[in-house]
């Protein structure tokens, strides 16, 4: 079973350790998936260390959204990765749609309670499908993002 440390290690591998500055990425400079636009404090000294990236992932994408409360380690890993890629609120809202909870983007008792009533494999597969459909809508709406399509879809499919 993957620990939070393992999940963050996997996210770091997917994001890469090379600094990038893609003009089509509104985040600006990025390293380990930590963008300058969203995390200016991490970039204050001009670079991001792996330790800083791990701390940001733990705070913003595990503890902050409540993904640490998801009892199934594989669903937890998928939600963390989805949150990193699309924002924790989006990941939670997609989960809420799947379990039939009120869609408010907050991982609370209703969502966690309903999650217990559905087979985890069904939830995991449904979340992958929802993520892939969302990615396709993003690219359809903004064709400049087509260059990221294959990578985003492959990333989502890793959780099947």
N, C-alpha and C. Protein backbone atom coordinates (compact mmCIF):
# COMPACT_ATOMS: atom_id res chain seq x y z
N UNK A 1 0.83 -1.19 0.00
CA UNK A 1 0.00 0.00 0.00
C UNK A 1 0.87 1.25 0.00
N UNK A 2 0.57 2.18 -0.88
CA UNK A 2 1.40 3.39 -0.95
C UNK A 2 1.18 4.32 0.24
N UNK A 3 2.28 4.80 0.80
CA UNK A 3 2.21 5.81 1.86
C UNK A 3 2.12 7.18 1.20
N UNK A 4 1.85 8.20 1.99
CA UNK A 4 1.82 9.56 1.46
C UNK A 4 3.19 9.91 0.85
N UNK A 5 4.25 9.50 1.50
CA UNK A 5 5.60 9.75 0.97
C UNK A 5 5.74 9.11 -0.41
N UNK A 6 5.26 7.86 -0.55
CA UNK A 6 5.32 7.17 -1.85
C UNK A 6 4.51 7.91 -2.91
N UNK A 7 3.33 8.36 -2.52
CA UNK A 7 2.45 9.07 -3.47
C UNK A 7 3.13 10.35 -3.94
N UNK A 8 3.71 11.09 -3.02
CA UNK A 8 4.40 12.33 -3.40
C UNK A 8 5.61 12.02 -4.27
N UNK A 9 6.32 10.95 -3.98
CA UNK A 9 7.44 10.53 -4.82
C UNK A 9 6.97 10.26 -6.24
N UNK A 10 5.83 9.57 -6.37
CA UNK A 10 5.27 9.30 -7.70
C UNK A 10 4.87 10.59 -8.41
N UNK A 11 4.28 11.53 -7.68
CA UNK A 11 3.90 12.82 -8.27
C UNK A 11 5.16 13.54 -8.76
N UNK A 12 6.21 13.53 -7.96
CA UNK A 12 7.46 14.19 -8.35
C UNK A 12 8.02 13.57 -9.62
N UNK A 13 7.93 12.26 -9.76
CA UNK A 13 8.40 11.60 -10.98
C UNK A 13 7.56 12.03 -12.18
N UNK A 14 6.23 12.11 -12.01
CA UNK A 14 5.36 12.52 -13.12
C UNK A 14 5.63 13.97 -13.52
N UNK A 15 5.88 14.81 -12.54
CA UNK A 15 6.07 16.24 -12.80
C UNK A 15 7.46 16.54 -13.34
N UNK A 16 8.45 15.77 -12.91
CA UNK A 16 9.82 15.97 -13.39
C UNK A 16 10.62 16.95 -12.55
N UNK A 17 11.91 16.75 -12.56
CA UNK A 17 12.79 17.58 -11.73
C UNK A 17 13.52 18.67 -12.52
N UNK A 18 13.15 18.83 -13.79
CA UNK A 18 13.78 19.87 -14.61
C UNK A 18 12.95 21.15 -14.54
N UNK A 19 13.61 22.26 -14.44
CA UNK A 19 12.91 23.54 -14.47
C UNK A 19 12.41 23.79 -15.89
N UNK A 20 11.15 24.18 -16.01
CA UNK A 20 10.58 24.52 -17.31
C UNK A 20 9.94 25.90 -17.24
N UNK A 21 9.77 26.47 -18.41
CA UNK A 21 9.05 27.74 -18.53
C UNK A 21 8.35 27.71 -19.88
N UNK A 22 7.27 26.96 -19.94
CA UNK A 22 6.51 26.77 -21.17
C UNK A 22 5.60 27.98 -21.38
N UNK A 23 5.68 28.65 -22.52
CA UNK A 23 4.84 29.82 -22.76
C UNK A 23 3.34 29.50 -22.76
N UNK A 24 2.98 28.24 -22.98
CA UNK A 24 1.57 27.86 -22.96
C UNK A 24 1.09 27.46 -21.56
N UNK A 25 1.99 27.51 -20.59
CA UNK A 25 1.64 27.17 -19.21
C UNK A 25 1.56 28.46 -18.41
N UNK A 26 0.36 28.79 -17.96
CA UNK A 26 0.15 30.05 -17.24
C UNK A 26 0.83 30.08 -15.87
N UNK A 27 1.37 28.94 -15.44
CA UNK A 27 2.03 28.88 -14.13
C UNK A 27 3.41 29.52 -14.11
N UNK A 28 3.95 29.80 -15.29
CA UNK A 28 5.29 30.38 -15.33
C UNK A 28 6.35 29.31 -15.11
N UNK A 29 7.46 29.71 -14.49
CA UNK A 29 8.51 28.73 -14.22
C UNK A 29 7.95 27.63 -13.33
N UNK A 30 8.39 26.40 -13.62
CA UNK A 30 7.90 25.24 -12.87
C UNK A 30 9.05 24.26 -12.68
N UNK A 31 9.10 23.69 -11.49
CA UNK A 31 10.04 22.61 -11.20
C UNK A 31 9.37 21.69 -10.19
N UNK A 32 9.48 20.39 -10.41
CA UNK A 32 8.80 19.39 -9.58
C UNK A 32 7.28 19.59 -9.60
N UNK A 33 6.78 20.31 -10.60
CA UNK A 33 5.36 20.60 -10.67
C UNK A 33 4.95 21.80 -9.83
N UNK A 34 5.90 22.47 -9.23
CA UNK A 34 5.63 23.62 -8.37
C UNK A 34 5.82 24.87 -9.22
N UNK A 35 4.70 25.52 -9.53
CA UNK A 35 4.78 26.69 -10.42
C UNK A 35 5.05 27.97 -9.62
N UNK A 36 5.72 28.87 -10.29
CA UNK A 36 6.04 30.16 -9.67
C UNK A 36 4.78 30.97 -9.40
N UNK A 37 3.81 30.89 -10.33
CA UNK A 37 2.59 31.68 -10.17
C UNK A 37 1.80 31.24 -8.93
N UNK A 38 1.71 29.94 -8.70
CA UNK A 38 0.91 29.44 -7.57
C UNK A 38 1.70 29.36 -6.27
N UNK A 39 3.02 29.38 -6.36
CA UNK A 39 3.87 29.20 -5.18
C UNK A 39 5.05 30.17 -5.18
N UNK A 40 4.78 31.47 -5.22
CA UNK A 40 5.89 32.44 -5.32
C UNK A 40 6.87 32.34 -4.16
N UNK A 41 6.39 31.94 -2.98
CA UNK A 41 7.29 31.83 -1.83
C UNK A 41 8.36 30.76 -2.04
N UNK A 42 8.00 29.70 -2.74
CA UNK A 42 8.97 28.63 -3.01
C UNK A 42 10.03 29.08 -4.01
N UNK A 43 9.67 30.03 -4.84
CA UNK A 43 10.58 30.52 -5.88
C UNK A 43 11.32 31.79 -5.44
N UNK A 44 11.14 32.24 -4.21
CA UNK A 44 11.73 33.50 -3.74
C UNK A 44 13.25 33.54 -3.92
N UNK A 45 13.91 32.39 -3.77
CA UNK A 45 15.36 32.35 -3.94
C UNK A 45 15.77 31.94 -5.35
N UNK A 46 14.79 31.86 -6.28
CA UNK A 46 15.09 31.57 -7.67
C UNK A 46 15.05 30.10 -8.05
N UNK A 47 14.77 29.23 -7.10
CA UNK A 47 14.71 27.81 -7.40
C UNK A 47 13.82 27.10 -6.36
N UNK A 48 13.43 25.87 -6.69
CA UNK A 48 12.62 25.05 -5.79
C UNK A 48 13.38 23.76 -5.52
N UNK A 49 13.54 23.43 -4.25
CA UNK A 49 14.21 22.18 -3.90
C UNK A 49 13.16 21.06 -3.82
N UNK A 50 13.63 19.83 -3.88
CA UNK A 50 12.72 18.70 -3.74
C UNK A 50 12.04 18.73 -2.37
N UNK A 51 12.77 19.10 -1.34
CA UNK A 51 12.19 19.18 0.01
C UNK A 51 11.06 20.21 0.05
N UNK A 52 11.27 21.36 -0.59
CA UNK A 52 10.21 22.38 -0.64
C UNK A 52 9.00 21.84 -1.39
N UNK A 53 9.24 21.16 -2.51
CA UNK A 53 8.15 20.60 -3.30
C UNK A 53 7.36 19.59 -2.47
N UNK A 54 8.06 18.71 -1.77
CA UNK A 54 7.38 17.72 -0.92
C UNK A 54 6.50 18.40 0.13
N UNK A 55 7.03 19.43 0.75
CA UNK A 55 6.27 20.14 1.79
C UNK A 55 5.03 20.78 1.20
N UNK A 56 5.15 21.38 0.03
CA UNK A 56 4.00 22.01 -0.63
C UNK A 56 2.96 20.97 -0.99
N UNK A 57 3.39 19.84 -1.54
CA UNK A 57 2.44 18.78 -1.89
C UNK A 57 1.72 18.27 -0.65
N UNK A 58 2.46 18.04 0.41
CA UNK A 58 1.84 17.55 1.66
C UNK A 58 0.80 18.55 2.18
N UNK A 59 1.17 19.81 2.22
CA UNK A 59 0.29 20.85 2.78
C UNK A 59 -0.91 21.15 1.88
N UNK A 60 -0.64 21.37 0.58
CA UNK A 60 -1.68 21.84 -0.33
C UNK A 60 -2.50 20.74 -1.00
N UNK A 61 -1.93 19.55 -1.11
CA UNK A 61 -2.59 18.51 -1.91
C UNK A 61 -2.86 17.22 -1.14
N UNK A 62 -2.48 17.17 0.13
CA UNK A 62 -2.79 16.00 0.95
C UNK A 62 -3.61 16.45 2.16
N UNK A 63 -3.00 17.23 3.03
CA UNK A 63 -3.66 17.63 4.28
C UNK A 63 -4.73 18.69 4.03
N UNK A 64 -4.38 19.75 3.32
CA UNK A 64 -5.31 20.87 3.09
C UNK A 64 -6.68 20.46 2.58
N UNK A 65 -6.75 19.70 1.49
CA UNK A 65 -8.06 19.31 0.96
C UNK A 65 -8.70 18.14 1.71
N UNK A 66 -7.94 17.53 2.63
CA UNK A 66 -8.50 16.41 3.39
C UNK A 66 -8.29 15.05 2.74
N UNK A 67 -7.45 14.96 1.73
CA UNK A 67 -7.22 13.67 1.07
C UNK A 67 -6.59 12.66 2.02
N UNK A 68 -5.94 13.15 3.08
CA UNK A 68 -5.35 12.25 4.06
C UNK A 68 -6.43 11.46 4.81
N UNK A 69 -7.70 11.89 4.72
CA UNK A 69 -8.79 11.19 5.41
C UNK A 69 -9.43 10.09 4.56
N UNK A 70 -9.00 9.98 3.31
CA UNK A 70 -9.54 8.93 2.43
C UNK A 70 -8.95 7.60 2.89
N UNK A 71 -9.79 6.67 3.31
CA UNK A 71 -9.25 5.42 3.86
C UNK A 71 -8.57 4.50 2.84
N UNK A 72 -9.02 4.49 1.61
CA UNK A 72 -8.42 3.62 0.60
C UNK A 72 -7.15 4.27 0.06
N UNK A 73 -5.99 3.62 0.21
CA UNK A 73 -4.73 4.25 -0.20
C UNK A 73 -4.63 4.49 -1.71
N UNK A 74 -5.26 3.65 -2.52
CA UNK A 74 -5.16 3.82 -3.97
C UNK A 74 -6.05 4.97 -4.44
N UNK A 75 -7.24 5.10 -3.84
CA UNK A 75 -8.09 6.25 -4.16
C UNK A 75 -7.43 7.53 -3.66
N UNK A 76 -6.85 7.47 -2.47
CA UNK A 76 -6.15 8.64 -1.93
C UNK A 76 -5.05 9.08 -2.90
N UNK A 77 -4.27 8.13 -3.40
CA UNK A 77 -3.19 8.47 -4.34
C UNK A 77 -3.75 9.12 -5.60
N UNK A 78 -4.86 8.57 -6.11
CA UNK A 78 -5.45 9.12 -7.33
C UNK A 78 -5.97 10.54 -7.08
N UNK A 79 -6.63 10.76 -5.95
CA UNK A 79 -7.16 12.10 -5.65
C UNK A 79 -6.03 13.12 -5.48
N UNK A 80 -4.94 12.70 -4.83
CA UNK A 80 -3.80 13.62 -4.68
C UNK A 80 -3.25 13.99 -6.05
N UNK A 81 -3.05 13.00 -6.91
CA UNK A 81 -2.51 13.28 -8.24
C UNK A 81 -3.48 14.14 -9.05
N UNK A 82 -4.76 13.82 -8.99
CA UNK A 82 -5.79 14.59 -9.69
C UNK A 82 -5.76 16.03 -9.18
N UNK A 83 -5.66 16.19 -7.86
CA UNK A 83 -5.60 17.53 -7.27
C UNK A 83 -4.39 18.32 -7.72
N UNK A 84 -3.26 17.65 -7.82
CA UNK A 84 -2.04 18.31 -8.29
C UNK A 84 -2.22 18.76 -9.73
N UNK A 85 -2.81 17.91 -10.55
CA UNK A 85 -2.96 18.18 -11.98
C UNK A 85 -4.06 19.19 -12.28
N UNK A 86 -5.15 19.16 -11.52
CA UNK A 86 -6.32 20.00 -11.86
C UNK A 86 -6.83 20.87 -10.72
N UNK A 87 -6.27 20.73 -9.55
CA UNK A 87 -6.73 21.46 -8.38
C UNK A 87 -7.54 20.55 -7.48
N UNK A 88 -7.28 20.61 -6.17
CA UNK A 88 -7.98 19.74 -5.24
C UNK A 88 -9.50 19.89 -5.27
N UNK A 89 -9.99 21.11 -5.44
CA UNK A 89 -11.43 21.33 -5.45
C UNK A 89 -12.09 20.58 -6.62
N UNK A 90 -11.47 20.61 -7.77
CA UNK A 90 -12.00 19.88 -8.94
C UNK A 90 -12.03 18.39 -8.65
N UNK A 91 -10.92 17.85 -8.09
CA UNK A 91 -10.86 16.43 -7.77
C UNK A 91 -11.97 16.04 -6.80
N UNK A 92 -12.19 16.86 -5.79
CA UNK A 92 -13.25 16.59 -4.81
C UNK A 92 -14.62 16.67 -5.47
N UNK A 93 -14.85 17.65 -6.30
CA UNK A 93 -16.15 17.79 -6.96
C UNK A 93 -16.45 16.58 -7.85
N UNK A 94 -15.44 16.09 -8.57
CA UNK A 94 -15.64 14.90 -9.41
C UNK A 94 -15.96 13.69 -8.53
N UNK A 95 -15.27 13.55 -7.41
CA UNK A 95 -15.56 12.47 -6.47
C UNK A 95 -16.99 12.59 -5.94
N UNK A 96 -17.40 13.80 -5.60
CA UNK A 96 -18.75 14.02 -5.08
C UNK A 96 -19.82 13.65 -6.11
N UNK A 97 -19.57 13.99 -7.37
CA UNK A 97 -20.52 13.61 -8.42
C UNK A 97 -20.66 12.08 -8.48
N UNK A 98 -19.55 11.39 -8.36
CA UNK A 98 -19.53 9.93 -8.47
C UNK A 98 -20.28 9.27 -7.31
N UNK A 99 -20.08 9.76 -6.09
CA UNK A 99 -20.71 9.12 -4.93
C UNK A 99 -22.12 9.64 -4.66
N UNK A 100 -22.53 10.69 -5.37
CA UNK A 100 -23.88 11.24 -5.19
C UNK A 100 -24.00 12.22 -4.04
N UNK A 101 -22.90 12.84 -3.66
CA UNK A 101 -22.90 13.85 -2.60
C UNK A 101 -23.23 15.22 -3.18
N UNK A 102 -23.56 16.16 -2.29
CA UNK A 102 -23.70 17.54 -2.71
C UNK A 102 -22.35 18.00 -3.26
N UNK A 103 -22.35 18.60 -4.43
CA UNK A 103 -21.10 19.00 -5.08
C UNK A 103 -20.75 20.41 -4.64
N UNK A 104 -19.85 20.48 -3.63
CA UNK A 104 -19.43 21.77 -3.11
C UNK A 104 -17.91 21.92 -3.07
N UNK A 105 -17.18 20.87 -3.45
CA UNK A 105 -15.73 20.94 -3.47
C UNK A 105 -15.07 20.82 -2.11
N UNK A 106 -15.86 20.46 -1.09
CA UNK A 106 -15.32 20.29 0.25
C UNK A 106 -15.47 18.82 0.64
N UNK A 107 -14.39 18.21 1.02
CA UNK A 107 -14.40 16.80 1.39
C UNK A 107 -14.85 16.69 2.84
N UNK A 108 -16.15 16.48 3.02
CA UNK A 108 -16.71 16.45 4.36
C UNK A 108 -17.36 15.12 4.69
N UNK A 109 -18.10 15.09 5.81
CA UNK A 109 -18.70 13.85 6.29
C UNK A 109 -19.68 13.20 5.31
N UNK A 110 -20.44 14.01 4.58
CA UNK A 110 -21.40 13.42 3.63
C UNK A 110 -20.65 12.65 2.54
N UNK A 111 -19.66 13.27 1.96
CA UNK A 111 -18.90 12.61 0.89
C UNK A 111 -18.20 11.36 1.43
N UNK A 112 -17.55 11.49 2.57
CA UNK A 112 -16.84 10.35 3.16
C UNK A 112 -17.81 9.22 3.53
N UNK A 113 -18.99 9.57 4.01
CA UNK A 113 -19.99 8.56 4.36
C UNK A 113 -20.49 7.82 3.12
N UNK A 114 -20.81 8.57 2.08
CA UNK A 114 -21.29 7.94 0.84
C UNK A 114 -20.19 7.10 0.18
N UNK A 115 -18.96 7.52 0.34
CA UNK A 115 -17.84 6.78 -0.22
C UNK A 115 -17.78 5.36 0.34
N UNK A 116 -18.17 5.20 1.58
CA UNK A 116 -18.16 3.88 2.23
C UNK A 116 -19.19 2.92 1.65
N UNK A 117 -20.17 3.46 0.92
CA UNK A 117 -21.26 2.62 0.40
C UNK A 117 -21.01 2.11 -1.01
N UNK A 118 -19.91 2.51 -1.62
CA UNK A 118 -19.63 2.16 -3.02
C UNK A 118 -18.32 1.39 -3.09
N UNK A 119 -18.28 0.38 -3.92
CA UNK A 119 -17.08 -0.42 -4.10
C UNK A 119 -15.96 0.48 -4.61
N UNK A 120 -14.79 0.38 -3.98
CA UNK A 120 -13.67 1.27 -4.32
C UNK A 120 -13.24 1.16 -5.78
N UNK A 121 -13.28 -0.04 -6.34
CA UNK A 121 -12.89 -0.19 -7.74
C UNK A 121 -13.82 0.61 -8.65
N UNK A 122 -15.10 0.63 -8.32
CA UNK A 122 -16.07 1.40 -9.10
C UNK A 122 -15.76 2.89 -9.00
N UNK A 123 -15.45 3.36 -7.79
CA UNK A 123 -15.13 4.77 -7.58
C UNK A 123 -13.86 5.14 -8.35
N UNK A 124 -12.84 4.31 -8.24
CA UNK A 124 -11.57 4.58 -8.92
C UNK A 124 -11.75 4.66 -10.43
N UNK A 125 -12.44 3.66 -10.99
CA UNK A 125 -12.65 3.65 -12.44
C UNK A 125 -13.49 4.85 -12.89
N UNK A 126 -14.51 5.16 -12.13
CA UNK A 126 -15.37 6.31 -12.48
C UNK A 126 -14.60 7.61 -12.42
N UNK A 127 -13.71 7.73 -11.45
CA UNK A 127 -12.90 8.94 -11.33
C UNK A 127 -11.95 9.08 -12.51
N UNK A 128 -11.36 7.98 -12.95
CA UNK A 128 -10.49 8.03 -14.13
C UNK A 128 -11.29 8.48 -15.35
N UNK A 129 -12.48 7.89 -15.55
CA UNK A 129 -13.33 8.27 -16.69
C UNK A 129 -13.69 9.75 -16.63
N UNK A 130 -14.06 10.21 -15.46
CA UNK A 130 -14.43 11.61 -15.30
C UNK A 130 -13.25 12.53 -15.60
N UNK A 131 -12.08 12.13 -15.15
CA UNK A 131 -10.87 12.93 -15.38
C UNK A 131 -10.53 12.99 -16.86
N UNK A 132 -10.62 11.86 -17.56
CA UNK A 132 -10.32 11.83 -19.00
C UNK A 132 -11.32 12.69 -19.77
N UNK A 133 -12.60 12.60 -19.43
CA UNK A 133 -13.60 13.44 -20.10
C UNK A 133 -13.32 14.92 -19.87
N UNK A 134 -12.95 15.28 -18.66
CA UNK A 134 -12.64 16.67 -18.34
C UNK A 134 -11.44 17.15 -19.16
N UNK A 135 -10.42 16.31 -19.26
CA UNK A 135 -9.23 16.66 -20.04
C UNK A 135 -9.61 16.91 -21.49
N UNK A 136 -10.46 16.06 -22.04
CA UNK A 136 -10.89 16.23 -23.43
C UNK A 136 -11.67 17.53 -23.61
N UNK A 137 -12.50 17.88 -22.62
CA UNK A 137 -13.23 19.16 -22.70
C UNK A 137 -12.27 20.34 -22.67
N UNK A 138 -11.24 20.25 -21.84
CA UNK A 138 -10.26 21.34 -21.76
C UNK A 138 -9.58 21.55 -23.10
N UNK A 139 -9.15 20.46 -23.72
CA UNK A 139 -8.45 20.55 -25.00
C UNK A 139 -9.38 21.00 -26.11
N UNK A 140 -10.63 20.55 -26.08
CA UNK A 140 -11.60 20.99 -27.09
C UNK A 140 -11.85 22.49 -26.97
N UNK A 141 -11.96 22.96 -25.74
CA UNK A 141 -12.22 24.39 -25.51
C UNK A 141 -10.99 25.25 -25.83
N UNK A 142 -9.80 24.69 -25.58
CA UNK A 142 -8.57 25.44 -25.79
C UNK A 142 -7.57 24.56 -26.55
N UNK A 143 -7.65 24.55 -27.88
CA UNK A 143 -6.79 23.67 -28.68
C UNK A 143 -5.29 23.86 -28.46
N UNK A 144 -4.87 24.98 -27.91
CA UNK A 144 -3.44 25.16 -27.64
C UNK A 144 -2.94 24.14 -26.62
N UNK A 145 -3.86 23.53 -25.88
CA UNK A 145 -3.50 22.55 -24.86
C UNK A 145 -3.36 21.13 -25.43
N UNK A 146 -3.61 20.97 -26.73
CA UNK A 146 -3.54 19.66 -27.37
C UNK A 146 -2.18 18.99 -27.15
N UNK A 147 -1.14 19.76 -27.08
CA UNK A 147 0.21 19.19 -26.91
C UNK A 147 0.37 18.47 -25.58
N UNK A 148 -0.52 18.75 -24.61
CA UNK A 148 -0.46 18.11 -23.30
C UNK A 148 -1.40 16.91 -23.19
N UNK A 149 -2.26 16.72 -24.20
CA UNK A 149 -3.33 15.71 -24.13
C UNK A 149 -2.82 14.31 -23.82
N UNK A 150 -1.87 13.84 -24.56
CA UNK A 150 -1.38 12.47 -24.37
C UNK A 150 -0.82 12.27 -22.96
N UNK A 151 -0.03 13.19 -22.50
CA UNK A 151 0.55 13.08 -21.16
C UNK A 151 -0.51 13.11 -20.07
N UNK A 152 -1.49 14.01 -20.20
CA UNK A 152 -2.56 14.09 -19.20
C UNK A 152 -3.38 12.81 -19.17
N UNK A 153 -3.71 12.29 -20.35
CA UNK A 153 -4.52 11.07 -20.39
C UNK A 153 -3.72 9.88 -19.85
N UNK A 154 -2.47 9.76 -20.24
CA UNK A 154 -1.64 8.68 -19.71
C UNK A 154 -1.53 8.76 -18.19
N UNK A 155 -1.42 9.96 -17.69
CA UNK A 155 -1.33 10.16 -16.25
C UNK A 155 -2.61 9.68 -15.57
N UNK A 156 -3.76 10.04 -16.12
CA UNK A 156 -5.04 9.61 -15.53
C UNK A 156 -5.19 8.09 -15.61
N UNK A 157 -4.80 7.52 -16.73
CA UNK A 157 -4.96 6.07 -16.92
C UNK A 157 -4.06 5.22 -16.02
N UNK A 158 -3.02 5.82 -15.47
CA UNK A 158 -2.15 5.10 -14.54
C UNK A 158 -2.94 4.56 -13.33
N UNK A 159 -4.10 5.14 -13.07
CA UNK A 159 -4.87 4.77 -11.89
C UNK A 159 -5.93 3.70 -12.15
N UNK A 160 -5.92 3.15 -13.36
CA UNK A 160 -6.84 2.03 -13.63
C UNK A 160 -6.24 0.73 -13.13
